Amino acid sequence: MKATIYKSTGSFYLAQDIGGRLWKCRIRGKLKIDKEISSTNPVAVGDRVTFMIEDEADATAVIIGIDKRDNYIVRTSPHNKHQKHIVAANLDQALITITIHSPRTSIGFIDRFLVTAEAYHIPAILVFNKADLLYGDFRNEWQYRKSLYEKIGYQTFTCTATDGSGLTELKNQLHNKTTLFSGHSGVGKSTLINNLIPDKNLKVKEISDWSGKGQHTTTFAEMFDLPGGGRIIDTPGVKEFGIVGFDRYDLAHYFPEMRDRMSECRFNNCVHANEPGCAIKDAVMAGDISSERYESYLVMLADL
């Protein structure tokens, strides 16, 4: 039978078949997985799998195969910084929830998320939450960051999840798409999802109840169906979004504003750090590339 993975705990998986029934699954034997994908988790939320029924009454099954992924997105494994952890697979877009304060979302986190989405060819959107707290200097910073990322080419939304204001356009953006949600702890991501799925239907409750207390950690993601069509993949709040598996000579390709200017550099193997005749550094000096974005680039380059 065919199903889609809705939750992974590392050893057990919750899958939904085409009829809407949920199955508690485990892996038996070696699965045929793309050899180019080396990760700490063989099965990820969003994966389309083949399974065999183990116990019909208890709704337990065994995963025996994984369909080829359309795409996937990874972060550094929380257990080994040199290994990949697949956050989710088969995505239409990736969304990062941002707050200017209470708490303040770090620029480094935003840029690492965007770079990872670029690297895996997944469109990214930015949602500025807690608009009701944007006053004085906080409002000025929001306007600056909104303008900065829109200038680069990213779509942004601004809302207040607690009262639902500003969510109409975002709901249209999510309709009939599978969207990854990410963000620091405390940015209101869960409140945003609760507003998008106001009735918390039985399917969502079954997924949450099955997980049990103490199993919801930063390594696990969970998928929910949106009313009217579409899916959200919720990732628990994380402090960092570590990039892994990148070549330092390719990093600038994942910064759209740098990618457009790289051909103007004097040297083909320019990494835009200390080389003479670098068009990227010239653009930073001229104010055409954000100095903060360039700083994010240099920090990532040093990590690689």
Protein backbone atom coordinates (compact mmCIF):
# COMPACT_ATOMS: atom_id res chain seq x y z
CA MET A 1 0.00 0.00 0.00
CA LYS A 2 1.04 3.62 -0.55
CA ALA A 3 1.12 6.32 2.13
CA THR A 4 2.67 9.67 3.06
CA ILE A 5 4.75 10.13 6.21
CA TYR A 6 3.09 12.62 8.57
CA LYS A 7 5.36 12.23 11.61
CA SER A 8 8.74 10.71 12.41
CA THR A 9 10.17 10.00 15.85
CA GLY A 10 13.37 8.45 14.56
CA SER A 11 12.32 4.84 15.06
CA PHE A 12 8.55 4.92 14.46
CA TYR A 13 6.59 6.75 11.78
CA LEU A 14 3.00 7.85 11.36
CA ALA A 15 1.78 7.46 7.78
CA GLN A 16 -1.50 8.35 6.10
CA ASP A 17 -2.74 6.19 3.23
CA ILE A 18 -4.69 7.46 0.24
CA GLY A 19 -7.95 6.75 2.07
CA GLY A 20 -6.98 8.97 4.99
CA ARG A 21 -6.26 6.20 7.50
CA LEU A 22 -3.28 6.60 9.83
CA TRP A 23 -0.78 3.78 10.33
CA LYS A 24 1.96 3.40 12.95
CA CYS A 25 4.94 2.18 10.95
CA ARG A 26 8.43 0.88 11.48
CA ILE A 27 11.24 0.04 9.07
CA ARG A 28 12.23 -3.54 8.43
CA GLY A 29 15.41 -4.39 6.57
CA LYS A 30 17.35 -2.11 4.28
CA LEU A 31 15.36 0.34 2.22
CA LYS A 32 16.27 1.40 -1.29
CA ILE A 33 17.28 4.99 -0.65
CA ASP A 34 19.07 7.40 -2.96
CA LYS A 35 22.76 6.68 -2.30
CA GLU A 36 23.63 10.34 -2.85
CA ILE A 37 21.59 11.31 0.20
CA SER A 38 23.58 10.52 3.33
CA SER A 39 21.52 11.43 6.37
CA THR A 40 20.94 10.44 9.97
CA ASN A 41 17.26 9.69 9.26
CA PRO A 42 16.32 7.27 6.45
CA VAL A 43 12.67 8.37 6.31
CA ALA A 44 11.45 11.97 6.58
CA VAL A 45 8.10 13.73 6.92
CA GLY A 46 6.63 14.24 3.46
CA ASP A 47 8.15 11.04 2.07
CA ARG A 48 5.88 8.87 -0.07
CA VAL A 49 6.36 5.27 1.00
CA THR A 50 5.20 1.71 0.31
CA PHE A 51 4.20 -0.35 3.33
CA MET A 52 2.92 -3.79 4.29
CA ILE A 53 0.16 -4.19 6.89
CA GLU A 54 1.38 -5.86 10.06
CA ASP A 55 -1.79 -5.73 12.17
CA GLU A 56 -5.01 -4.41 10.64
CA ALA A 57 -6.80 -3.93 13.97
CA ASP A 58 -3.93 -2.04 15.60
CA ALA A 59 -3.17 -0.15 12.36
CA THR A 60 0.51 -1.12 12.43
CA ALA A 61 2.61 -1.60 9.34
CA VAL A 62 6.14 -2.03 8.00
CA ILE A 63 7.72 0.42 5.52
CA ILE A 64 9.36 -1.53 2.70
CA GLY A 65 10.16 1.22 0.20
CA ILE A 66 10.51 4.98 -0.36
CA ASP A 67 9.49 6.70 -3.60
CA LYS A 68 11.99 8.99 -5.30
CA ARG A 69 11.86 12.42 -3.68
CA ASP A 70 10.91 15.48 -5.73
CA ASN A 71 13.14 17.47 -3.37
CA TYR A 72 14.14 17.66 0.26
CA ILE A 73 15.69 20.12 2.67
CA VAL A 74 18.37 19.36 5.24
CA ARG A 75 20.04 20.89 8.26
CA THR A 76 23.04 19.85 10.32
CA SER A 77 22.27 16.80 12.43
CA PRO A 78 21.78 17.79 16.08
CA HIS A 79 23.92 14.78 16.99
CA ASN A 80 26.77 15.20 14.50
CA LYS A 81 27.61 18.53 12.87
CA HIS A 82 29.25 16.74 9.93
CA GLN A 83 26.11 14.79 8.99
CA LYS A 84 22.83 15.76 7.36
CA HIS A 85 19.40 15.48 8.91
CA ILE A 86 16.55 15.60 6.40
CA VAL A 87 13.98 18.02 7.79
CA ALA A 88 11.26 17.24 5.23
CA ALA A 89 10.74 16.02 1.67
CA ASN A 90 8.53 16.77 -1.35
CA LEU A 91 7.98 20.46 -0.62
CA ASP A 92 6.40 23.22 -2.69
CA GLN A 93 7.81 26.01 -0.54
CA ALA A 94 9.54 26.79 2.75
CA LEU A 95 8.37 29.44 5.23
CA ILE A 96 10.36 31.05 8.00
CA THR A 97 8.52 32.84 10.81
CA ILE A 98 10.37 35.95 11.99
CA THR A 99 9.92 38.33 14.91
CA ILE A 100 11.76 41.62 15.37
CA HIS A 101 11.70 41.26 19.15
CA SER A 102 10.19 39.06 21.86
CA PRO A 103 12.25 37.19 20.72
CA ARG A 104 14.49 38.72 18.08
CA THR A 105 15.14 36.43 15.13
CA SER A 106 18.83 36.43 14.32
CA ILE A 107 19.87 37.52 10.84
CA GLY A 108 22.24 34.57 10.69
CA PHE A 109 19.37 32.14 11.20
CA ILE A 110 17.28 33.79 8.48
CA ASP A 111 20.13 33.76 5.98
CA ARG A 112 21.13 30.16 6.69
CA PHE A 113 17.54 29.08 6.18
CA LEU A 114 17.28 31.00 2.90
CA VAL A 115 20.63 29.70 1.64
CA THR A 116 19.59 26.12 2.38
CA ALA A 117 16.27 26.61 0.57
CA GLU A 118 18.14 28.09 -2.42
CA ALA A 119 20.57 25.18 -2.48
CA TYR A 120 17.75 22.65 -2.63
CA HIS A 121 15.70 24.68 -5.13
CA ILE A 122 12.79 25.27 -2.77
CA PRO A 123 11.05 28.69 -2.96
CA ALA A 124 11.24 30.49 0.38
CA ILE A 125 8.88 33.04 1.91
CA LEU A 126 9.30 35.18 5.03
CA VAL A 127 6.50 35.84 7.53
CA PHE A 128 7.00 38.67 10.01
CA ASN A 129 4.80 37.79 12.98
CA LYS A 130 3.70 39.84 16.01
CA ALA A 131 2.94 42.94 13.94
CA ASP A 132 1.16 44.35 16.99
CA LEU A 133 4.58 44.76 18.64
CA LEU A 134 6.07 46.77 15.78
CA TYR A 135 6.36 50.28 17.17
CA GLY A 136 9.14 52.87 17.34
CA ASP A 137 12.58 51.46 16.51
CA PHE A 138 11.11 47.97 16.14
CA ARG A 139 8.87 49.19 13.34
CA ASN A 140 11.82 50.86 11.63
CA GLU A 141 13.82 47.64 11.78
CA TRP A 142 10.88 45.66 10.39
CA GLN A 143 10.53 48.06 7.47
CA TYR A 144 14.27 47.84 6.80
CA ARG A 145 14.38 44.01 6.85
CA LYS A 146 11.17 43.67 4.85
CA SER A 147 12.56 45.98 2.18
CA LEU A 148 15.96 44.23 2.22
CA TYR A 149 14.60 40.75 1.52
CA GLU A 150 11.96 41.92 -0.95
CA LYS A 151 14.68 43.73 -2.91
CA ILE A 152 16.58 40.46 -3.16
CA GLY A 153 13.44 38.80 -4.54
CA TYR A 154 11.84 37.07 -1.56
CA GLN A 155 8.12 37.31 -0.88
CA THR A 156 7.22 38.59 2.60
CA PHE A 157 4.06 38.68 4.71
CA THR A 158 3.34 40.54 7.95
CA CYS A 159 0.72 39.37 10.42
CA THR A 160 -0.36 38.94 14.03
CA ALA A 161 -1.11 35.28 14.63
CA THR A 162 -2.89 35.84 17.94
CA ASP A 163 -5.80 37.71 16.35
CA GLY A 164 -5.43 36.52 12.75
CA SER A 165 -4.80 39.95 11.26
CA GLY A 166 -2.89 39.96 7.99
CA LEU A 167 -3.40 36.25 7.31
CA THR A 168 -5.67 36.40 4.24
CA GLU A 169 -2.86 36.72 1.70
CA LEU A 170 -0.75 34.13 3.49
CA LYS A 171 -3.62 31.63 3.44
CA ASN A 172 -3.87 32.09 -0.32
CA GLN A 173 -0.13 31.46 -0.62
CA LEU A 174 -0.44 28.19 1.32
CA HIS A 175 -3.53 26.90 -0.49
CA ASN A 176 -3.01 23.46 -2.10
CA LYS A 177 0.73 23.53 -1.40
CA THR A 178 2.99 21.58 0.94
CA THR A 179 4.82 24.17 3.04
CA LEU A 180 7.63 23.71 5.53
CA PHE A 181 7.33 25.98 8.61
CA SER A 182 10.45 26.93 10.55
CA GLY A 183 11.51 29.54 13.07
CA HIS A 184 13.10 30.19 16.44
CA SER A 185 11.25 29.06 19.55
CA GLY A 186 8.84 31.74 20.73
CA VAL A 187 8.19 33.46 17.39
CA GLY A 188 4.54 32.34 17.44
CA LYS A 189 4.79 29.60 14.83
CA SER A 190 2.44 27.29 16.75
CA THR A 191 -0.08 30.10 17.25
CA LEU A 192 0.11 30.82 13.53
CA ILE A 193 -0.59 27.19 12.68
CA ASN A 194 -3.47 27.06 15.20
CA ASN A 195 -5.01 30.06 13.45
CA LEU A 196 -4.62 28.40 10.05
CA ILE A 197 -6.18 25.17 11.40
CA PRO A 198 -8.68 26.63 13.89
CA ASP A 199 -10.75 23.54 14.65
CA LYS A 200 -7.82 21.18 15.23
CA ASN A 201 -9.69 18.34 13.53
CA LEU A 202 -9.47 14.71 14.58
CA LYS A 203 -6.63 13.95 12.21
CA VAL A 204 -4.38 16.49 13.90
CA LYS A 205 -5.40 15.28 17.36
CA GLU A 206 -4.65 11.68 16.46
CA ILE A 207 -1.18 12.58 15.28
CA SER A 208 -0.45 14.59 18.43
CA ASP A 209 -1.95 12.05 20.83
CA TRP A 210 -0.01 9.17 19.32
CA SER A 211 3.36 10.89 19.79
CA GLY A 212 3.15 10.77 23.57
CA LYS A 213 4.78 13.11 26.08
CA GLY A 214 8.48 13.76 25.87
CA GLN A 215 8.89 12.61 22.26
CA HIS A 216 8.44 15.98 20.58
CA THR A 217 12.06 17.14 20.22
CA THR A 218 13.90 19.47 17.86
CA THR A 219 14.79 16.54 15.60
CA PHE A 220 11.18 15.70 14.69
CA ALA A 221 8.79 17.32 12.23
CA GLU A 222 5.03 16.81 11.85
CA MET A 223 2.62 17.40 8.98
CA PHE A 224 -0.95 18.74 9.21
CA ASP A 225 -3.67 19.08 6.58
CA LEU A 226 -4.97 22.58 5.92
CA PRO A 227 -8.72 23.19 5.63
CA GLY A 228 -9.57 23.59 1.96
CA GLY A 229 -6.39 21.97 0.68
CA GLY A 230 -2.69 22.00 1.34
CA ARG A 231 -0.34 20.79 4.05
CA ILE A 232 1.89 22.35 6.68
CA ILE A 233 5.03 20.63 7.92
CA ASP A 234 5.76 22.01 11.37
CA THR A 235 9.33 21.89 12.64
CA PRO A 236 9.88 22.53 16.36
CA GLY A 237 11.67 25.76 17.18
CA VAL A 238 15.43 25.59 16.73
CA LYS A 239 18.26 27.89 17.81
CA GLU A 240 20.38 27.32 14.72
CA PHE A 241 19.95 26.14 11.17
CA GLY A 242 23.33 24.62 10.40
CA ILE A 243 24.30 24.24 6.77
CA VAL A 244 26.09 21.06 5.74
CA GLY A 245 27.40 19.50 2.54
CA PHE A 246 28.14 22.82 0.79
CA ASP A 247 31.24 23.59 -1.26
CA ARG A 248 32.76 26.95 -0.31
CA TYR A 249 33.12 27.86 -3.99
CA ASP A 250 29.39 27.34 -4.52
CA LEU A 251 28.12 29.23 -1.46
CA ALA A 252 27.73 32.60 -3.21
CA HIS A 253 25.44 30.98 -5.79
CA TYR A 254 22.80 30.67 -3.03
CA PHE A 255 22.78 34.43 -2.36
CA PRO A 256 20.65 35.81 -5.26
CA GLU A 257 22.16 39.29 -5.05
CA MET A 258 25.68 37.79 -5.29
CA ARG A 259 24.79 35.25 -7.96
CA ASP A 260 23.80 38.06 -10.32
CA ARG A 261 27.23 39.71 -10.03
CA MET A 262 29.69 36.81 -9.76
CA SER A 263 30.56 36.82 -13.47
CA GLU A 264 32.01 40.33 -13.05
CA CYS A 265 34.75 39.19 -10.64
CA ARG A 266 38.33 39.21 -11.97
CA PHE A 267 38.97 35.57 -11.00
CA ASN A 268 36.70 32.62 -11.82
CA ASN A 269 37.49 30.95 -8.49
CA CYS A 270 36.83 34.07 -6.43
CA VAL A 271 35.25 33.32 -3.04
CA HIS A 272 34.59 37.04 -2.45
CA ALA A 273 36.64 37.36 0.71
CA ASN A 274 40.14 38.74 0.14
CA GLU A 275 40.62 38.58 -3.64
CA PRO A 276 41.32 41.73 -5.67
CA GLY A 277 38.89 42.74 -8.39
CA CYS A 278 35.91 41.21 -6.59
CA ALA A 279 32.58 42.54 -7.88
CA ILE A 280 30.78 41.34 -4.75
CA LYS A 281 32.99 43.36 -2.39
CA ASP A 282 32.65 46.38 -4.69
CA ALA A 283 28.85 46.03 -4.54
CA VAL A 284 28.96 45.88 -0.74
CA MET A 285 31.08 49.03 -0.62
CA ALA A 286 28.64 50.75 -2.99
CA GLY A 287 25.66 49.73 -0.85
CA ASP A 288 24.16 47.54 -3.57
CA ILE A 289 24.58 44.43 -1.41
CA SER A 290 23.64 44.55 2.27
CA SER A 291 26.68 44.54 4.55
CA GLU A 292 24.72 42.32 6.96
CA ARG A 293 24.01 39.77 4.24
CA TYR A 294 27.67 39.87 3.24
CA GLU A 295 28.67 39.31 6.87
CA SER A 296 26.33 36.30 6.97
CA TYR A 297 28.08 35.01 3.87
CA LEU A 298 31.55 35.39 5.43
CA VAL A 299 30.47 33.59 8.61
CA MET A 300 29.08 30.68 6.57
CA LEU A 301 32.20 30.63 4.42
CA ALA A 302 34.35 30.36 7.53
CA ASP A 303 32.18 27.48 8.78
CA LEU A 304 32.81 25.62 5.54
